[in-house]
Amino acid sequence: MTGLAIERDGGVARVWLDRPERRNAFDAGLIETVHEAFTSFAADDGLRAVVLAGRGPAFCAGADLEWMRASAALSRERNVADAERAAAMFFAVDSCPVPVIARVHGAALGGGTGLACCCDIVLAREDARFGFTEVRLGLIPATIGPFALARIGRSQARALFLTGDLFDARRAREIGIVHEVHAGDDELDAAVERTLAAVLRGGPAAVRAAKALIAGLRDGDPAPQSKRAAEALAERRVSDEGREGIAAFLERRQPDW
């Protein structure tokens, strides 16, 4: 796959952005392959978790500026199509039915910050740098906007979208993009494996259902959301996996999944 490497170990897919010479910046090829990979994950019933990381000095430095410059010479219709493909890629990551754990180091700028916002659990090295830097290029964080707003809220978006300021991993944790900050690669890798092990301890169908529940509970009238949540819980209680999980806990044994 162009600019992407996937390693599969049982129910775990480790996905590497693999354009280190370009700091894993997005171009048309990488956008397409990331979209293809995560679309395939949506149809993979044996998948239980995805680890997303970048090879080389950075997680993802945003859009490849040479590609962006070439795009400026294309028609408006071609640019709309390119933007729609990018939006579809971010949506495919965000809507992946299993947990996506991001391992972030170095630059995670523009679309790289947006990509992190699409992941469920984000673990960052303390030297990671984030920023919605598009306005500094005369652009806007449009295709990543819905995912970033869901992650950091309108107040933080107003400050960060409008200034394009860079911020570190600890600030990213404060505003909700990052969940844990670690000192170096060894500590970060250990955190990834610990988090992955925690995800794999859950019932496979229950973890998928929990992620679907989060996606289904949007801001708005709490009454229909409460009904939807109650129905989702009832379904899990009567499922084979739910029965096995409760029985295993009461019998003080490991569940059979």
C-alpha atoms as a PDB file:
ATOM      1  CA  MET A   1       0.000   0.000   0.000  1.00  0.00           C
ATOM      2  CA  THR A   2       1.292   3.456  -0.898  1.00  0.00           C
ATOM      3  CA  GLY A   3       2.797   5.087   2.166  1.00  0.00           C
ATOM      4  CA  LEU A   4       1.225   2.590   4.550  1.00  0.00           C
ATOM      5  CA  ALA A   5       2.355  -0.631   6.212  1.00  0.00           C
ATOM      6  CA  ILE A   6       0.030  -2.991   8.069  1.00  0.00           C
ATOM      7  CA  GLU A   7       1.138  -5.752  10.425  1.00  0.00           C
ATOM      8  CA  ARG A   8      -1.523  -8.214  11.554  1.00  0.00           C
ATOM      9  CA  ASP A   9      -1.204 -10.278  14.738  1.00  0.00           C
ATOM     10  CA  GLY A  10      -4.397 -12.183  15.445  1.00  0.00           C
ATOM     11  CA  GLY A  11      -7.108  -9.643  16.194  1.00  0.00           C
ATOM     12  CA  VAL A  12      -4.718  -6.683  16.278  1.00  0.00           C
ATOM     13  CA  ALA A  13      -3.761  -4.573  13.263  1.00  0.00           C
ATOM     14  CA  ARG A  14      -0.723  -2.312  13.608  1.00  0.00           C
ATOM     15  CA  VAL A  15      -0.925   0.420  10.995  1.00  0.00           C
ATOM     16  CA  TRP A  16       2.160   2.481  10.183  1.00  0.00           C
ATOM     17  CA  LEU A  17       2.107   5.713   8.225  1.00  0.00           C
ATOM     18  CA  ASP A  18       5.186   5.017   6.131  1.00  0.00           C
ATOM     19  CA  ARG A  19       6.392   8.157   4.356  1.00  0.00           C
ATOM     20  CA  PRO A  20       9.221   9.006   6.769  1.00  0.00           C
ATOM     21  CA  GLU A  21      11.056  11.125   4.200  1.00  0.00           C
ATOM     22  CA  ARG A  22       7.969  13.416   4.123  1.00  0.00           C
ATOM     23  CA  ARG A  23       7.275  13.115   7.859  1.00  0.00           C
ATOM     24  CA  ASN A  24       4.240  11.007   6.940  1.00  0.00           C
ATOM     25  CA  ALA A  25       2.467  13.984   5.390  1.00  0.00           C
ATOM     26  CA  PHE A  26      -0.754  13.278   3.508  1.00  0.00           C
ATOM     27  CA  ASP A  27      -0.885  13.232  -0.253  1.00  0.00           C
ATOM     28  CA  ALA A  28      -3.514  11.692  -2.536  1.00  0.00           C
ATOM     29  CA  GLY A  29      -1.887   8.263  -2.361  1.00  0.00           C
ATOM     30  CA  LEU A  30      -1.660   8.111   1.427  1.00  0.00           C
ATOM     31  CA  ILE A  31      -5.200   9.424   1.843  1.00  0.00           C
ATOM     32  CA  GLU A  32      -6.480   6.699  -0.451  1.00  0.00           C
ATOM     33  CA  THR A  33      -4.586   3.873   1.255  1.00  0.00           C
ATOM     34  CA  VAL A  34      -5.565   4.938   4.783  1.00  0.00           C
ATOM     35  CA  HIS A  35      -9.184   5.104   3.617  1.00  0.00           C
ATOM     36  CA  GLU A  36      -8.950   1.668   2.010  1.00  0.00           C
ATOM     37  CA  ALA A  37      -7.353   0.152   5.109  1.00  0.00           C
ATOM     38  CA  PHE A  38      -9.941   1.460   7.549  1.00  0.00           C
ATOM     39  CA  THR A  39     -12.805   0.645   5.208  1.00  0.00           C
ATOM     40  CA  SER A  40     -11.566  -2.942   5.147  1.00  0.00           C
ATOM     41  CA  PHE A  41     -11.340  -2.956   8.939  1.00  0.00           C
ATOM     42  CA  ALA A  42     -15.040  -2.084   9.158  1.00  0.00           C
ATOM     43  CA  ALA A  43     -15.862  -5.385   7.425  1.00  0.00           C
ATOM     44  CA  ASP A  44     -13.388  -7.488   9.439  1.00  0.00           C
ATOM     45  CA  ASP A  45     -15.287  -9.399  12.126  1.00  0.00           C
ATOM     46  CA  GLY A  46     -12.075 -10.872  13.520  1.00  0.00           C
ATOM     47  CA  LEU A  47     -10.491  -7.495  14.232  1.00  0.00           C
ATOM     48  CA  ARG A  48     -10.362  -6.369  17.864  1.00  0.00           C
ATOM     49  CA  ALA A  49      -8.080  -3.322  17.912  1.00  0.00           C
ATOM     50  CA  VAL A  50      -5.949  -1.070  15.729  1.00  0.00           C
ATOM     51  CA  VAL A  51      -2.689   0.623  16.713  1.00  0.00           C
ATOM     52  CA  LEU A  52      -1.914   3.630  14.507  1.00  0.00           C
ATOM     53  CA  ALA A  53       1.623   5.057  14.443  1.00  0.00           C
ATOM     54  CA  GLY A  54       4.111   6.804  12.189  1.00  0.00           C
ATOM     55  CA  ARG A  55       7.536   5.652  11.035  1.00  0.00           C
ATOM     56  CA  GLY A  56      10.467   8.039  11.075  1.00  0.00           C
ATOM     57  CA  PRO A  57      10.712  11.360  12.933  1.00  0.00           C
ATOM     58  CA  ALA A  58       7.006  12.231  13.080  1.00  0.00           C
ATOM     59  CA  PHE A  59       3.502  10.856  13.500  1.00  0.00           C
ATOM     60  CA  CYS A  60       2.015  12.957  10.695  1.00  0.00           C
ATOM     61  CA  ALA A  61       3.065  16.470   9.663  1.00  0.00           C
ATOM     62  CA  GLY A  62      -0.281  17.240   8.015  1.00  0.00           C
ATOM     63  CA  ALA A  63      -0.662  17.745   4.282  1.00  0.00           C
ATOM     64  CA  ASP A  64       2.261  17.391   1.900  1.00  0.00           C
ATOM     65  CA  LEU A  65       2.829  20.995   0.809  1.00  0.00           C
ATOM     66  CA  GLU A  66       4.186  20.031  -2.617  1.00  0.00           C
ATOM     67  CA  TRP A  67       1.006  18.069  -3.250  1.00  0.00           C
ATOM     68  CA  MET A  68      -1.073  20.992  -1.960  1.00  0.00           C
ATOM     69  CA  ARG A  69       0.748  23.418  -4.262  1.00  0.00           C
ATOM     70  CA  ALA A  70       0.090  21.193  -7.262  1.00  0.00           C
ATOM     71  CA  SER A  71      -3.562  20.921  -6.239  1.00  0.00           C
ATOM     72  CA  ALA A  72      -3.925  24.696  -6.369  1.00  0.00           C
ATOM     73  CA  ALA A  73      -3.540  24.538 -10.154  1.00  0.00           C
ATOM     74  CA  LEU A  74      -6.452  22.112 -10.498  1.00  0.00           C
ATOM     75  CA  SER A  75     -10.087  23.051 -11.033  1.00  0.00           C
ATOM     76  CA  ARG A  76     -12.445  23.816  -8.179  1.00  0.00           C
ATOM     77  CA  GLU A  77     -14.268  20.544  -8.899  1.00  0.00           C
ATOM     78  CA  ARG A  78     -11.051  18.526  -8.614  1.00  0.00           C
ATOM     79  CA  ASN A  79     -10.199  20.246  -5.346  1.00  0.00           C
ATOM     80  CA  VAL A  80     -13.669  19.535  -3.966  1.00  0.00           C
ATOM     81  CA  ALA A  81     -13.222  15.871  -4.897  1.00  0.00           C
ATOM     82  CA  ASP A  82      -9.808  15.785  -3.183  1.00  0.00           C
ATOM     83  CA  ALA A  83     -11.284  17.347  -0.033  1.00  0.00           C
ATOM     84  CA  GLU A  84     -14.152  14.874  -0.042  1.00  0.00           C
ATOM     85  CA  ARG A  85     -11.703  11.982  -0.246  1.00  0.00           C
ATOM     86  CA  ALA A  86      -9.803  13.382   2.747  1.00  0.00           C
ATOM     87  CA  ALA A  87     -13.035  13.820   4.692  1.00  0.00           C
ATOM     88  CA  ALA A  88     -13.998  10.219   3.888  1.00  0.00           C
ATOM     89  CA  MET A  89     -10.618   9.022   5.154  1.00  0.00           C
ATOM     90  CA  PHE A  90     -10.990  10.807   8.498  1.00  0.00           C
ATOM     91  CA  PHE A  91     -14.533   9.471   8.830  1.00  0.00           C
ATOM     92  CA  ALA A  92     -13.321   5.910   8.154  1.00  0.00           C
ATOM     93  CA  VAL A  93     -10.803   6.192  10.988  1.00  0.00           C
ATOM     94  CA  ASP A  94     -13.288   7.853  13.338  1.00  0.00           C
ATOM     95  CA  SER A  95     -16.008   5.276  12.653  1.00  0.00           C
ATOM     96  CA  CYS A  96     -13.787   2.191  12.818  1.00  0.00           C
ATOM     97  CA  PRO A  97     -15.891  -0.286  14.833  1.00  0.00           C
ATOM     98  CA  VAL A  98     -13.006  -1.359  17.081  1.00  0.00           C
ATOM     99  CA  PRO A  99     -10.767   0.779  19.309  1.00  0.00           C
ATOM    100  CA  VAL A 100      -8.059   2.744  17.511  1.00  0.00           C
ATOM    101  CA  ILE A 101      -5.020   3.507  19.678  1.00  0.00           C
ATOM    102  CA  ALA A 102      -2.743   6.258  18.391  1.00  0.00           C
ATOM    103  CA  ARG A 103       0.963   6.294  19.196  1.00  0.00           C
ATOM    104  CA  VAL A 104       2.015   9.904  18.591  1.00  0.00           C
ATOM    105  CA  HIS A 105       5.558  11.260  18.460  1.00  0.00           C
ATOM    106  CA  GLY A 106       7.190  14.267  16.843  1.00  0.00           C
ATOM    107  CA  ALA A 107       4.993  16.427  14.634  1.00  0.00           C
ATOM    108  CA  ALA A 108       1.235  15.881  14.544  1.00  0.00           C
ATOM    109  CA  LEU A 109       0.205  19.044  12.745  1.00  0.00           C
ATOM    110  CA  GLY A 110      -2.882  20.059  10.782  1.00  0.00           C
ATOM    111  CA  GLY A 111      -4.289  16.825   9.432  1.00  0.00           C
ATOM    112  CA  GLY A 112      -2.004  14.971  11.845  1.00  0.00           C
ATOM    113  CA  THR A 113      -3.758  16.603  14.788  1.00  0.00           C
ATOM    114  CA  GLY A 114      -7.055  15.849  13.063  1.00  0.00           C
ATOM    115  CA  LEU A 115      -6.065  12.215  12.660  1.00  0.00           C
ATOM    116  CA  ALA A 116      -5.313  11.991  16.377  1.00  0.00           C
ATOM    117  CA  CYS A 117      -8.763  13.456  17.079  1.00  0.00           C
ATOM    118  CA  CYS A 118     -10.297  10.562  15.128  1.00  0.00           C
ATOM    119  CA  CYS A 119      -8.642   7.925  17.341  1.00  0.00           C
ATOM    120  CA  ASP A 120     -10.205   6.538  20.517  1.00  0.00           C
ATOM    121  CA  ILE A 121      -7.140   6.525  22.738  1.00  0.00           C
ATOM    122  CA  VAL A 122      -4.148   8.782  22.084  1.00  0.00           C
ATOM    123  CA  LEU A 123      -0.800   8.134  23.771  1.00  0.00           C
ATOM    124  CA  ALA A 124       1.894  10.716  23.059  1.00  0.00           C
ATOM    125  CA  ARG A 125       5.593  11.140  23.611  1.00  0.00           C
ATOM    126  CA  GLU A 126       6.272  14.329  25.542  1.00  0.00           C
ATOM    127  CA  ASP A 127       8.073  15.918  22.587  1.00  0.00           C
ATOM    128  CA  ALA A 128       5.015  15.603  20.326  1.00  0.00           C
ATOM    129  CA  ARG A 129       3.795  18.870  18.845  1.00  0.00           C
ATOM    130  CA  PHE A 130       0.242  19.599  17.753  1.00  0.00           C
ATOM    131  CA  GLY A 131      -1.513  22.453  16.006  1.00  0.00           C
ATOM    132  CA  PHE A 132      -4.373  23.392  13.721  1.00  0.00           C
ATOM    133  CA  THR A 133      -1.929  25.320  11.558  1.00  0.00           C
ATOM    134  CA  GLU A 134      -4.019  25.709   8.415  1.00  0.00           C
ATOM    135  CA  VAL A 135      -4.695  29.459   8.779  1.00  0.00           C
ATOM    136  CA  ARG A 136      -0.947  30.097   8.614  1.00  0.00           C
ATOM    137  CA  LEU A 137      -1.088  28.726   5.080  1.00  0.00           C
ATOM    138  CA  GLY A 138      -4.177  30.705   4.158  1.00  0.00           C
ATOM    139  CA  LEU A 139      -6.348  27.609   4.581  1.00  0.00           C
ATOM    140  CA  ILE A 140      -8.839  26.335   7.173  1.00  0.00           C
ATOM    141  CA  PRO A 141      -9.093  23.070   9.174  1.00  0.00           C
ATOM    142  CA  ALA A 142     -12.217  22.076   7.288  1.00  0.00           C
ATOM    143  CA  THR A 143     -12.174  18.300   6.712  1.00  0.00           C
ATOM    144  CA  ILE A 144     -10.868  17.682  10.231  1.00  0.00           C
ATOM    145  CA  GLY A 145     -13.221  20.250  11.763  1.00  0.00           C
ATOM    146  CA  PRO A 146     -16.081  17.936  12.795  1.00  0.00           C
ATOM    147  CA  PHE A 147     -13.722  15.493  14.506  1.00  0.00           C
ATOM    148  CA  ALA A 148     -11.681  18.199  16.220  1.00  0.00           C
ATOM    149  CA  LEU A 149     -14.791  19.995  17.496  1.00  0.00           C
ATOM    150  CA  ALA A 150     -16.138  16.747  18.923  1.00  0.00           C
ATOM    151  CA  ARG A 151     -12.838  16.288  20.717  1.00  0.00           C
ATOM    152  CA  ILE A 152     -11.963  19.738  22.052  1.00  0.00           C
ATOM    153  CA  GLY A 153     -15.209  21.736  21.915  1.00  0.00           C
ATOM    154  CA  ARG A 154     -16.013  25.113  20.410  1.00  0.00           C
ATOM    155  CA  SER A 155     -14.116  27.214  22.966  1.00  0.00           C
ATOM    156  CA  GLN A 156     -10.756  25.543  22.377  1.00  0.00           C
ATOM    157  CA  ALA A 157     -11.418  25.418  18.636  1.00  0.00           C
ATOM    158  CA  ARG A 158     -11.966  29.176  18.577  1.00  0.00           C
ATOM    159  CA  ALA A 159      -8.592  29.761  20.183  1.00  0.00           C
ATOM    160  CA  LEU A 160      -6.633  27.170  18.225  1.00  0.00           C
ATOM    161  CA  PHE A 161      -8.263  27.243  14.772  1.00  0.00           C
ATOM    162  CA  LEU A 162      -8.013  31.029  14.580  1.00  0.00           C
ATOM    163  CA  THR A 163      -4.402  31.432  15.733  1.00  0.00           C
ATOM    164  CA  GLY A 164      -2.822  28.305  14.289  1.00  0.00           C
ATOM    165  CA  ASP A 165      -0.700  28.156  17.434  1.00  0.00           C
ATOM    166  CA  LEU A 166       1.401  25.084  18.138  1.00  0.00           C
ATOM    167  CA  PHE A 167       0.981  23.297  21.464  1.00  0.00           C
ATOM    168  CA  ASP A 168       2.754  20.482  23.242  1.00  0.00           C
ATOM    169  CA  ALA A 169       1.578  17.066  24.347  1.00  0.00           C
ATOM    170  CA  ARG A 170       0.699  18.199  27.857  1.00  0.00           C
ATOM    171  CA  ARG A 171      -1.510  20.976  26.517  1.00  0.00           C
ATOM    172  CA  ALA A 172      -3.053  18.451  24.128  1.00  0.00           C
ATOM    173  CA  ARG A 173      -3.857  16.288  27.138  1.00  0.00           C
ATOM    174  CA  GLU A 174      -5.435  19.220  28.984  1.00  0.00           C
ATOM    175  CA  ILE A 175      -7.859  19.908  26.133  1.00  0.00           C
ATOM    176  CA  GLY A 176      -8.754  16.283  25.462  1.00  0.00           C
ATOM    177  CA  ILE A 177      -6.798  15.259  22.368  1.00  0.00           C
ATOM    178  CA  VAL A 178      -4.237  13.170  24.260  1.00  0.00           C
ATOM    179  CA  HIS A 179      -4.954  10.761  27.100  1.00  0.00           C
ATOM    180  CA  GLU A 180      -1.431  10.001  28.337  1.00  0.00           C
ATOM    181  CA  VAL A 181       1.993  11.633  27.924  1.00  0.00           C
ATOM    182  CA  HIS A 182       5.180   9.571  28.194  1.00  0.00           C
ATOM    183  CA  ALA A 183       8.838  10.512  28.427  1.00  0.00           C
ATOM    184  CA  GLY A 184      10.417   8.389  25.719  1.00  0.00           C
ATOM    185  CA  ASP A 185       9.899   5.601  23.203  1.00  0.00           C
ATOM    186  CA  ASP A 186      10.294   2.756  25.711  1.00  0.00           C
ATOM    187  CA  GLU A 187       7.722   4.237  28.063  1.00  0.00           C
ATOM    188  CA  LEU A 188       5.401   5.093  25.182  1.00  0.00           C
ATOM    189  CA  ASP A 189       5.619   1.614  23.678  1.00  0.00           C
ATOM    190  CA  ALA A 190       4.939   0.058  27.084  1.00  0.00           C
ATOM    191  CA  ALA A 191       1.860   2.275  27.421  1.00  0.00           C
ATOM    192  CA  VAL A 192       0.623   1.175  23.995  1.00  0.00           C
ATOM    193  CA  GLU A 193       0.973  -2.496  24.947  1.00  0.00           C
ATOM    194  CA  ARG A 194      -0.692  -1.944  28.334  1.00  0.00           C
ATOM    195  CA  THR A 195      -3.611  -0.128  26.718  1.00  0.00           C
ATOM    196  CA  LEU A 196      -3.921  -2.757  24.034  1.00  0.00           C
ATOM    197  CA  ALA A 197      -3.989  -5.503  26.674  1.00  0.00           C
ATOM    198  CA  ALA A 198      -6.731  -3.632  28.541  1.00  0.00           C
ATOM    199  CA  VAL A 199      -8.854  -3.410  25.383  1.00  0.00           C
ATOM    200  CA  LEU A 200      -8.355  -7.111  24.662  1.00  0.00           C
ATOM    201  CA  ARG A 201      -9.537  -8.063  28.149  1.00  0.00           C
ATOM    202  CA  GLY A 202     -13.030  -6.863  27.267  1.00  0.00           C
ATOM    203  CA  GLY A 203     -15.579  -8.935  25.435  1.00  0.00           C
ATOM    204  CA  PRO A 204     -14.994  -8.401  21.696  1.00  0.00           C
ATOM    205  CA  ALA A 205     -18.652  -7.719  20.919  1.00  0.00           C
ATOM    206  CA  ALA A 206     -19.082  -5.644  24.075  1.00  0.00           C
ATOM    207  CA  VAL A 207     -16.158  -3.389  23.146  1.00  0.00           C
ATOM    208  CA  ARG A 208     -17.634  -2.859  19.687  1.00  0.00           C
ATOM    209  CA  ALA A 209     -21.053  -2.163  21.211  1.00  0.00           C
ATOM    210  CA  ALA A 210     -19.549   0.328  23.673  1.00  0.00           C
ATOM    211  CA  LYS A 211     -17.905   2.235  20.846  1.00  0.00           C
ATOM    212  CA  ALA A 212     -21.152   2.233  18.867  1.00  0.00           C
ATOM    213  CA  LEU A 213     -22.969   3.532  21.932  1.00  0.00           C
ATOM    214  CA  ILE A 214     -20.592   6.482  22.205  1.00  0.00           C
ATOM    215  CA  ALA A 215     -21.162   7.327  18.552  1.00  0.00           C
ATOM    216  CA  GLY A 216     -24.929   7.092  18.979  1.00  0.00           C
ATOM    217  CA  LEU A 217     -25.185   9.379  21.996  1.00  0.00           C
ATOM    218  CA  ARG A 218     -24.974  12.891  20.592  1.00  0.00           C
ATOM    219  CA  ASP A 219     -25.710  16.225  22.186  1.00  0.00           C
ATOM    220  CA  GLY A 220     -29.403  16.992  22.245  1.00  0.00           C
ATOM    221  CA  ASP A 221     -32.571  15.763  23.897  1.00  0.00           C
ATOM    222  CA  PRO A 222     -31.547  13.271  26.633  1.00  0.00           C
ATOM    223  CA  ALA A 223     -34.829  11.329  26.507  1.00  0.00           C
ATOM    224  CA  PRO A 224     -34.251   9.425  23.234  1.00  0.00           C
ATOM    225  CA  GLN A 225     -30.588   8.995  24.133  1.00  0.00           C
ATOM    226  CA  SER A 226     -31.539   7.381  27.453  1.00  0.00           C
ATOM    227  CA  LYS A 227     -33.939   5.025  25.671  1.00  0.00           C
ATOM    228  CA  ARG A 228     -31.248   4.094  23.140  1.00  0.00           C
ATOM    229  CA  ALA A 229     -28.731   3.484  25.938  1.00  0.00           C
ATOM    230  CA  ALA A 230     -31.172   1.305  27.875  1.00  0.00           C
ATOM    231  CA  GLU A 231     -31.903  -0.790  24.793  1.00  0.00           C
ATOM    232  CA  ALA A 232     -28.191  -1.205  24.092  1.00  0.00           C
ATOM    233  CA  LEU A 233     -27.528  -2.379  27.662  1.00  0.00           C
ATOM    234  CA  ALA A 234     -30.441  -4.821  27.553  1.00  0.00           C
ATOM    235  CA  GLU A 235     -29.069  -6.342  24.358  1.00  0.00           C
ATOM    236  CA  ARG A 236     -25.672  -6.872  25.974  1.00  0.00           C
ATOM    237  CA  ARG A 237     -27.159  -8.416  29.129  1.00  0.00           C
ATOM    238  CA  VAL A 238     -28.960 -11.147  27.216  1.00  0.00           C
ATOM    239  CA  SER A 239     -26.132 -11.808  24.752  1.00  0.00           C
ATOM    240  CA  ASP A 240     -23.988 -14.929  25.057  1.00  0.00           C
ATOM    241  CA  GLU A 241     -20.959 -12.770  25.685  1.00  0.00           C
ATOM    242  CA  GLY A 242     -22.708 -10.778  28.401  1.00  0.00           C
ATOM    243  CA  ARG A 243     -23.861 -13.929  30.160  1.00  0.00           C
ATOM    244  CA  GLU A 244     -20.343 -15.389  29.960  1.00  0.00           C
ATOM    245  CA  GLY A 245     -18.733 -12.228  31.297  1.00  0.00           C
ATOM    246  CA  ILE A 246     -21.010 -12.045  34.352  1.00  0.00           C
ATOM    247  CA  ALA A 247     -20.668 -15.775  35.013  1.00  0.00           C
ATOM    248  CA  ALA A 248     -16.871 -15.609  34.791  1.00  0.00           C
ATOM    249  CA  PHE A 249     -16.741 -12.699  37.225  1.00  0.00           C
ATOM    250  CA  LEU A 250     -18.969 -14.462  39.757  1.00  0.00           C
ATOM    251  CA  GLU A 251     -17.027 -17.699  39.349  1.00  0.00           C
ATOM    252  CA  ARG A 252     -13.686 -15.866  39.644  1.00  0.00           C
ATOM    253  CA  ARG A 253     -12.293 -17.125  36.354  1.00  0.00           C
ATOM    254  CA  GLN A 254     -11.214 -15.635  33.051  1.00  0.00           C
ATOM    255  CA  PRO A 255     -14.053 -15.249  30.530  1.00  0.00           C
ATOM    256  CA  ASP A 256     -14.015 -17.474  27.480  1.00  0.00           C
ATOM    257  CA  TRP A 257     -13.588 -15.043  24.590  1.00  0.00           C
END
